[in-house]
N, C-alpha and C. Protein backbone atom coordinates (compact mmCIF):
# COMPACT_ATOMS: atom_id res chain seq x y z
N UNK A 1 62.74 15.18 18.89
CA UNK A 1 63.68 14.29 18.26
C UNK A 1 62.96 13.12 17.57
N UNK A 2 61.93 12.56 18.30
CA UNK A 2 61.18 11.44 17.75
C UNK A 2 60.42 11.87 16.50
N UNK A 3 59.91 13.12 16.52
CA UNK A 3 59.17 13.62 15.36
C UNK A 3 60.09 13.72 14.15
N UNK A 4 61.31 14.13 14.39
CA UNK A 4 62.27 14.25 13.30
C UNK A 4 62.56 12.89 12.68
N UNK A 5 62.74 11.85 13.51
CA UNK A 5 63.05 10.50 13.01
C UNK A 5 61.84 9.94 12.24
N UNK A 6 60.65 10.08 12.81
CA UNK A 6 59.44 9.57 12.14
C UNK A 6 59.23 10.32 10.82
N UNK A 7 59.46 11.62 10.82
CA UNK A 7 59.32 12.41 9.59
C UNK A 7 60.27 11.95 8.51
N UNK A 8 61.51 11.63 8.88
CA UNK A 8 62.50 11.15 7.91
C UNK A 8 62.11 9.77 7.38
N UNK A 9 61.59 8.91 8.27
CA UNK A 9 61.20 7.56 7.83
C UNK A 9 60.02 7.65 6.85
N UNK A 10 59.03 8.50 7.19
CA UNK A 10 57.84 8.62 6.34
C UNK A 10 58.15 9.25 5.00
N UNK A 11 59.14 10.13 4.96
CA UNK A 11 59.47 10.78 3.70
C UNK A 11 60.53 10.01 2.92
N UNK A 12 60.98 8.88 3.42
CA UNK A 12 62.02 8.12 2.72
C UNK A 12 61.47 7.56 1.42
N UNK A 13 62.33 7.10 0.56
CA UNK A 13 61.97 6.63 -0.77
C UNK A 13 61.19 5.32 -0.72
N UNK A 14 61.28 4.56 0.36
CA UNK A 14 60.61 3.26 0.45
C UNK A 14 59.25 3.40 1.12
N UNK A 15 59.20 4.01 2.29
CA UNK A 15 57.98 4.08 3.09
C UNK A 15 57.01 5.14 2.55
N UNK A 16 57.50 6.25 2.07
CA UNK A 16 56.66 7.35 1.59
C UNK A 16 55.70 6.93 0.49
N UNK A 17 56.20 6.32 -0.61
CA UNK A 17 55.29 5.91 -1.67
C UNK A 17 54.29 4.83 -1.21
N UNK A 18 54.70 3.97 -0.30
CA UNK A 18 53.79 2.92 0.20
C UNK A 18 52.64 3.56 0.97
N UNK A 19 52.96 4.52 1.83
CA UNK A 19 51.91 5.18 2.61
C UNK A 19 51.03 6.01 1.68
N UNK A 20 51.63 6.71 0.73
CA UNK A 20 50.84 7.48 -0.23
C UNK A 20 49.92 6.56 -1.03
N UNK A 21 50.40 5.40 -1.40
CA UNK A 21 49.58 4.42 -2.13
C UNK A 21 48.41 3.95 -1.28
N UNK A 22 48.67 3.68 0.02
CA UNK A 22 47.59 3.26 0.91
C UNK A 22 46.55 4.37 1.07
N UNK A 23 47.04 5.60 1.24
CA UNK A 23 46.12 6.72 1.38
C UNK A 23 45.30 6.93 0.11
N UNK A 24 45.94 6.80 -1.05
CA UNK A 24 45.22 6.96 -2.32
C UNK A 24 44.19 5.84 -2.51
N UNK A 25 44.55 4.63 -2.11
CA UNK A 25 43.61 3.51 -2.19
C UNK A 25 42.39 3.74 -1.30
N UNK A 26 42.63 4.23 -0.10
CA UNK A 26 41.52 4.52 0.82
C UNK A 26 40.63 5.63 0.25
N UNK A 27 41.26 6.65 -0.36
CA UNK A 27 40.48 7.73 -0.97
C UNK A 27 39.64 7.20 -2.12
N UNK A 28 40.21 6.35 -2.95
CA UNK A 28 39.46 5.76 -4.07
C UNK A 28 38.29 4.91 -3.57
N UNK A 29 38.54 4.19 -2.48
CA UNK A 29 37.48 3.36 -1.90
C UNK A 29 36.33 4.23 -1.40
N UNK A 30 36.65 5.32 -0.72
CA UNK A 30 35.61 6.23 -0.23
C UNK A 30 34.87 6.90 -1.39
N UNK A 31 35.60 7.27 -2.45
CA UNK A 31 34.94 7.86 -3.62
C UNK A 31 33.99 6.86 -4.27
N UNK A 32 34.41 5.60 -4.33
CA UNK A 32 33.55 4.56 -4.92
C UNK A 32 32.29 4.38 -4.08
N UNK A 33 32.42 4.43 -2.75
CA UNK A 33 31.24 4.31 -1.89
C UNK A 33 30.29 5.47 -2.13
N UNK A 34 30.84 6.67 -2.30
CA UNK A 34 29.99 7.83 -2.59
C UNK A 34 29.27 7.66 -3.91
N UNK A 35 29.93 7.10 -4.91
CA UNK A 35 29.31 6.85 -6.20
C UNK A 35 28.21 5.80 -6.05
N UNK A 36 28.48 4.77 -5.26
CA UNK A 36 27.48 3.72 -5.03
C UNK A 36 26.25 4.30 -4.34
N UNK A 37 26.46 5.14 -3.34
CA UNK A 37 25.33 5.75 -2.64
C UNK A 37 24.51 6.63 -3.58
N UNK A 38 25.18 7.35 -4.45
CA UNK A 38 24.46 8.19 -5.41
C UNK A 38 23.65 7.32 -6.37
N UNK A 39 24.23 6.20 -6.79
CA UNK A 39 23.52 5.28 -7.68
C UNK A 39 22.31 4.68 -6.98
N UNK A 40 22.45 4.30 -5.71
CA UNK A 40 21.34 3.76 -4.94
C UNK A 40 20.24 4.81 -4.80
N UNK A 41 20.62 6.04 -4.57
CA UNK A 41 19.64 7.12 -4.44
C UNK A 41 18.88 7.33 -5.75
N UNK A 42 19.61 7.29 -6.89
CA UNK A 42 18.94 7.43 -8.19
C UNK A 42 17.96 6.29 -8.43
N UNK A 43 18.35 5.07 -8.08
CA UNK A 43 17.47 3.91 -8.27
C UNK A 43 16.24 4.04 -7.38
N UNK A 44 16.42 4.50 -6.15
CA UNK A 44 15.28 4.67 -5.24
C UNK A 44 14.31 5.74 -5.77
N UNK A 45 14.84 6.83 -6.28
CA UNK A 45 13.99 7.89 -6.84
C UNK A 45 13.24 7.37 -8.07
N UNK A 46 13.93 6.61 -8.90
CA UNK A 46 13.29 6.06 -10.09
C UNK A 46 12.20 5.06 -9.70
N UNK A 47 12.44 4.24 -8.67
CA UNK A 47 11.42 3.29 -8.21
C UNK A 47 10.20 4.03 -7.68
N UNK A 48 10.42 5.11 -6.95
CA UNK A 48 9.31 5.90 -6.43
C UNK A 48 8.51 6.53 -7.57
N UNK A 49 9.19 7.04 -8.59
CA UNK A 49 8.49 7.61 -9.75
C UNK A 49 7.70 6.54 -10.49
N UNK A 50 8.26 5.33 -10.59
CA UNK A 50 7.53 4.22 -11.23
C UNK A 50 6.29 3.85 -10.43
N UNK A 51 6.39 3.85 -9.10
CA UNK A 51 5.23 3.56 -8.26
C UNK A 51 4.13 4.60 -8.46
N UNK A 52 4.51 5.86 -8.54
CA UNK A 52 3.54 6.93 -8.75
C UNK A 52 2.87 6.77 -10.11
N UNK A 53 3.67 6.46 -11.13
CA UNK A 53 3.12 6.26 -12.48
C UNK A 53 2.19 5.06 -12.51
N UNK A 54 2.57 3.98 -11.82
CA UNK A 54 1.72 2.78 -11.78
C UNK A 54 0.39 3.07 -11.07
N UNK A 55 0.43 3.83 -9.99
CA UNK A 55 -0.80 4.20 -9.28
C UNK A 55 -1.71 5.03 -10.17
N UNK A 56 -1.13 5.94 -10.95
CA UNK A 56 -1.94 6.76 -11.86
C UNK A 56 -2.57 5.90 -12.95
N UNK A 57 -1.81 4.94 -13.47
CA UNK A 57 -2.36 4.04 -14.49
C UNK A 57 -3.47 3.18 -13.91
N UNK A 58 -3.28 2.67 -12.69
CA UNK A 58 -4.32 1.88 -12.04
C UNK A 58 -5.58 2.70 -11.82
N UNK A 59 -5.43 3.96 -11.45
CA UNK A 59 -6.58 4.83 -11.25
C UNK A 59 -7.32 5.05 -12.57
N UNK A 60 -6.58 5.20 -13.67
CA UNK A 60 -7.22 5.36 -14.97
C UNK A 60 -7.98 4.10 -15.37
N UNK A 61 -7.42 2.92 -15.07
CA UNK A 61 -8.10 1.66 -15.37
C UNK A 61 -9.40 1.56 -14.60
N UNK A 62 -9.37 1.90 -13.32
CA UNK A 62 -10.59 1.85 -12.50
C UNK A 62 -11.63 2.81 -13.05
N UNK A 63 -11.22 4.02 -13.43
CA UNK A 63 -12.16 4.99 -13.99
C UNK A 63 -12.76 4.47 -15.30
N UNK A 64 -11.93 3.86 -16.13
CA UNK A 64 -12.42 3.34 -17.40
C UNK A 64 -13.40 2.18 -17.16
N UNK A 65 -13.09 1.32 -16.20
CA UNK A 65 -13.99 0.21 -15.90
C UNK A 65 -15.32 0.71 -15.34
N UNK A 66 -15.28 1.72 -14.51
CA UNK A 66 -16.51 2.23 -13.91
C UNK A 66 -17.36 2.99 -14.93
N UNK A 67 -16.79 3.30 -16.06
CA UNK A 67 -17.55 3.97 -17.09
C UNK A 67 -18.51 3.04 -17.82
N UNK A 68 -18.29 1.75 -17.75
CA UNK A 68 -19.14 0.78 -18.44
C UNK A 68 -20.27 0.35 -17.52
N UNK A 69 -21.49 0.25 -18.03
CA UNK A 69 -22.66 -0.03 -17.20
C UNK A 69 -22.60 -1.39 -16.53
N UNK A 70 -21.97 -2.38 -17.18
CA UNK A 70 -21.91 -3.72 -16.58
C UNK A 70 -21.04 -3.69 -15.33
N UNK A 71 -19.89 -3.09 -15.43
CA UNK A 71 -18.98 -3.01 -14.29
C UNK A 71 -19.57 -2.14 -13.19
N UNK A 72 -20.24 -1.09 -13.57
CA UNK A 72 -20.81 -0.16 -12.61
C UNK A 72 -21.97 -0.78 -11.84
N UNK A 73 -22.64 -1.77 -12.43
CA UNK A 73 -23.85 -2.29 -11.80
C UNK A 73 -23.63 -3.54 -10.94
N UNK A 74 -22.42 -4.06 -10.86
CA UNK A 74 -22.16 -5.27 -10.07
C UNK A 74 -22.48 -5.03 -8.60
N UNK A 75 -21.96 -3.96 -8.04
CA UNK A 75 -22.18 -3.68 -6.62
C UNK A 75 -23.65 -3.46 -6.30
N UNK A 76 -24.38 -2.66 -7.07
CA UNK A 76 -25.81 -2.52 -6.76
C UNK A 76 -26.60 -3.82 -6.91
N UNK A 77 -26.25 -4.64 -7.89
CA UNK A 77 -26.97 -5.91 -8.06
C UNK A 77 -26.74 -6.82 -6.85
N UNK A 78 -25.49 -6.90 -6.38
CA UNK A 78 -25.20 -7.72 -5.20
C UNK A 78 -25.91 -7.16 -3.98
N UNK A 79 -25.93 -5.83 -3.85
CA UNK A 79 -26.63 -5.20 -2.74
C UNK A 79 -28.13 -5.46 -2.80
N UNK A 80 -28.70 -5.44 -4.00
CA UNK A 80 -30.13 -5.71 -4.16
C UNK A 80 -30.46 -7.15 -3.79
N UNK A 81 -29.61 -8.08 -4.21
CA UNK A 81 -29.84 -9.48 -3.86
C UNK A 81 -29.79 -9.68 -2.34
N UNK A 82 -28.83 -9.06 -1.69
CA UNK A 82 -28.72 -9.17 -0.23
C UNK A 82 -29.92 -8.51 0.45
N UNK A 83 -30.37 -7.38 -0.09
CA UNK A 83 -31.52 -6.70 0.50
C UNK A 83 -32.79 -7.53 0.34
N UNK A 84 -32.98 -8.17 -0.81
CA UNK A 84 -34.16 -9.02 -1.01
C UNK A 84 -34.15 -10.19 -0.05
N UNK A 85 -32.98 -10.84 0.11
CA UNK A 85 -32.89 -11.97 1.03
C UNK A 85 -33.13 -11.52 2.47
N UNK A 86 -32.54 -10.40 2.86
CA UNK A 86 -32.75 -9.91 4.24
C UNK A 86 -34.21 -9.53 4.45
N UNK A 87 -34.85 -8.88 3.46
CA UNK A 87 -36.27 -8.53 3.58
C UNK A 87 -37.12 -9.78 3.69
N UNK A 88 -36.82 -10.78 2.89
CA UNK A 88 -37.59 -12.03 2.93
C UNK A 88 -37.50 -12.67 4.31
N UNK A 89 -36.31 -12.74 4.86
CA UNK A 89 -36.14 -13.38 6.17
C UNK A 89 -36.77 -12.55 7.27
N UNK A 90 -36.48 -11.25 7.29
CA UNK A 90 -36.94 -10.40 8.39
C UNK A 90 -38.44 -10.09 8.32
N UNK A 91 -38.92 -9.73 7.15
CA UNK A 91 -40.32 -9.29 7.04
C UNK A 91 -41.25 -10.47 6.76
N UNK A 92 -41.03 -11.17 5.68
CA UNK A 92 -41.96 -12.22 5.26
C UNK A 92 -41.98 -13.39 6.24
N UNK A 93 -40.78 -13.85 6.66
CA UNK A 93 -40.73 -15.03 7.53
C UNK A 93 -40.97 -14.69 8.99
N UNK A 94 -40.32 -13.65 9.50
CA UNK A 94 -40.39 -13.36 10.93
C UNK A 94 -41.57 -12.45 11.29
N UNK A 95 -41.65 -11.29 10.65
CA UNK A 95 -42.68 -10.32 11.02
C UNK A 95 -44.08 -10.79 10.61
N UNK A 96 -44.22 -11.31 9.41
CA UNK A 96 -45.52 -11.73 8.90
C UNK A 96 -45.68 -13.25 8.86
N UNK A 97 -44.79 -13.94 9.50
CA UNK A 97 -44.75 -15.40 9.41
C UNK A 97 -46.01 -16.10 9.83
N UNK A 98 -46.70 -15.59 10.84
CA UNK A 98 -47.92 -16.27 11.29
C UNK A 98 -49.05 -16.17 10.28
N UNK A 99 -49.02 -15.14 9.42
CA UNK A 99 -50.07 -15.00 8.39
C UNK A 99 -49.64 -15.56 7.04
N UNK A 100 -48.33 -15.51 6.77
CA UNK A 100 -47.85 -15.93 5.44
C UNK A 100 -47.32 -17.35 5.44
N UNK A 101 -47.15 -17.92 6.63
CA UNK A 101 -46.51 -19.23 6.74
C UNK A 101 -45.15 -19.24 6.02
N UNK A 102 -44.48 -18.11 6.05
CA UNK A 102 -43.19 -17.99 5.38
C UNK A 102 -42.11 -18.73 6.14
N UNK A 103 -41.32 -19.43 5.39
CA UNK A 103 -40.17 -20.10 6.00
C UNK A 103 -39.07 -20.18 4.95
N UNK A 104 -37.90 -19.80 5.35
CA UNK A 104 -36.75 -19.87 4.46
C UNK A 104 -35.85 -20.97 4.97
N UNK A 105 -35.36 -21.78 4.05
CA UNK A 105 -34.43 -22.83 4.44
C UNK A 105 -33.21 -22.20 5.10
N UNK A 106 -32.59 -22.97 5.96
CA UNK A 106 -31.38 -22.49 6.64
C UNK A 106 -30.31 -22.21 5.59
N UNK A 107 -29.67 -21.03 5.72
CA UNK A 107 -28.62 -20.65 4.78
C UNK A 107 -27.38 -21.50 5.00
N UNK A 108 -26.70 -21.87 3.93
CA UNK A 108 -25.42 -22.55 4.08
C UNK A 108 -24.42 -21.54 4.66
N UNK A 109 -23.33 -22.05 5.17
CA UNK A 109 -22.35 -21.14 5.78
C UNK A 109 -21.78 -20.18 4.73
N UNK A 110 -21.61 -20.65 3.49
CA UNK A 110 -21.11 -19.77 2.43
C UNK A 110 -22.12 -18.66 2.12
N UNK A 111 -23.40 -19.02 2.01
CA UNK A 111 -24.42 -18.01 1.72
C UNK A 111 -24.54 -17.03 2.87
N UNK A 112 -24.44 -17.53 4.10
CA UNK A 112 -24.51 -16.65 5.26
C UNK A 112 -23.38 -15.64 5.24
N UNK A 113 -22.15 -16.10 5.01
CA UNK A 113 -21.01 -15.19 5.02
C UNK A 113 -21.03 -14.24 3.83
N UNK A 114 -21.55 -14.68 2.70
CA UNK A 114 -21.69 -13.79 1.55
C UNK A 114 -22.69 -12.68 1.87
N UNK A 115 -23.82 -13.06 2.43
CA UNK A 115 -24.84 -12.07 2.83
C UNK A 115 -24.26 -11.10 3.86
N UNK A 116 -23.57 -11.63 4.85
CA UNK A 116 -22.98 -10.79 5.90
C UNK A 116 -21.94 -9.83 5.31
N UNK A 117 -21.12 -10.33 4.43
CA UNK A 117 -20.08 -9.50 3.82
C UNK A 117 -20.69 -8.36 3.00
N UNK A 118 -21.72 -8.67 2.23
CA UNK A 118 -22.36 -7.64 1.41
C UNK A 118 -23.00 -6.58 2.30
N UNK A 119 -23.70 -7.00 3.34
CA UNK A 119 -24.35 -6.04 4.23
C UNK A 119 -23.30 -5.18 4.94
N UNK A 120 -22.25 -5.79 5.44
CA UNK A 120 -21.19 -5.03 6.12
C UNK A 120 -20.53 -4.05 5.15
N UNK A 121 -20.27 -4.49 3.93
CA UNK A 121 -19.63 -3.60 2.95
C UNK A 121 -20.53 -2.41 2.64
N UNK A 122 -21.84 -2.67 2.48
CA UNK A 122 -22.74 -1.57 2.18
C UNK A 122 -22.95 -0.66 3.38
N UNK A 123 -23.21 -1.23 4.53
CA UNK A 123 -23.50 -0.42 5.72
C UNK A 123 -22.23 0.19 6.31
N UNK A 124 -21.16 -0.56 6.32
CA UNK A 124 -19.93 -0.09 6.96
C UNK A 124 -19.00 0.64 6.03
N UNK A 125 -19.17 0.46 4.72
CA UNK A 125 -18.26 1.10 3.77
C UNK A 125 -18.28 2.60 3.85
N UNK A 126 -19.44 3.19 3.83
CA UNK A 126 -19.57 4.64 3.89
C UNK A 126 -19.08 5.17 5.23
N UNK A 127 -19.40 4.44 6.30
CA UNK A 127 -18.94 4.85 7.63
C UNK A 127 -17.42 4.83 7.70
N UNK A 128 -16.82 3.77 7.18
CA UNK A 128 -15.35 3.69 7.19
C UNK A 128 -14.74 4.82 6.37
N UNK A 129 -15.35 5.15 5.23
CA UNK A 129 -14.83 6.25 4.41
C UNK A 129 -14.91 7.58 5.15
N UNK A 130 -16.03 7.82 5.83
CA UNK A 130 -16.16 9.11 6.54
C UNK A 130 -15.21 9.18 7.73
N UNK A 131 -15.03 8.07 8.42
CA UNK A 131 -14.08 8.05 9.54
C UNK A 131 -12.66 8.27 9.03
N UNK A 132 -12.31 7.61 7.93
CA UNK A 132 -10.97 7.77 7.36
C UNK A 132 -10.74 9.22 6.93
N UNK A 133 -11.77 9.84 6.37
CA UNK A 133 -11.65 11.24 5.96
C UNK A 133 -11.42 12.14 7.17
N UNK A 134 -12.16 11.89 8.24
CA UNK A 134 -11.99 12.70 9.45
C UNK A 134 -10.59 12.53 10.03
N UNK A 135 -10.11 11.28 10.07
CA UNK A 135 -8.76 11.03 10.60
C UNK A 135 -7.72 11.71 9.73
N UNK A 136 -7.90 11.63 8.42
CA UNK A 136 -6.96 12.29 7.52
C UNK A 136 -6.95 13.79 7.72
N UNK A 137 -8.14 14.37 7.91
CA UNK A 137 -8.22 15.82 8.14
C UNK A 137 -7.54 16.23 9.44
N UNK A 138 -7.61 15.37 10.46
CA UNK A 138 -6.95 15.68 11.73
C UNK A 138 -5.44 15.76 11.53
N UNK A 139 -4.88 14.85 10.75
CA UNK A 139 -3.44 14.84 10.56
C UNK A 139 -2.97 15.89 9.56
N UNK A 140 -3.87 16.40 8.72
CA UNK A 140 -3.49 17.44 7.77
C UNK A 140 -3.30 18.78 8.46
N UNK A 141 -3.99 19.00 9.57
CA UNK A 141 -3.86 20.26 10.29
C UNK A 141 -2.57 20.29 11.09
N UNK A 142 -1.65 21.07 10.65
CA UNK A 142 -0.36 21.14 11.34
C UNK A 142 -0.16 22.47 12.00
């Protein structure tokens, strides 16, 4: 009996269109959310494609810079300067110091850290690359 009364009220000329309007509004709202999600997905895909394109352009710039002898020789020149300073301190001053009377002034903190950074980059750079390669190979094996 209750179902019959509720059915008549819902199908009446006043309540029926109001409920249908509410249902249609809710459907439109859900459709709009779906459209928004699709738009967000397209923007995310486009951003990812732009990042990939930017990385490729950056790689081309690095390759082009490394093709020039001046850019290519910065790292070896810095390494040579660090090696000469380390050789002077270790060999000339310390190892042969009693015969050469070699003495190097105390390095400033900036010069010390520059020397340390260059040595670590040269000695540790290759090691870090090989370790990273090994770790990457471990995760590639599935």
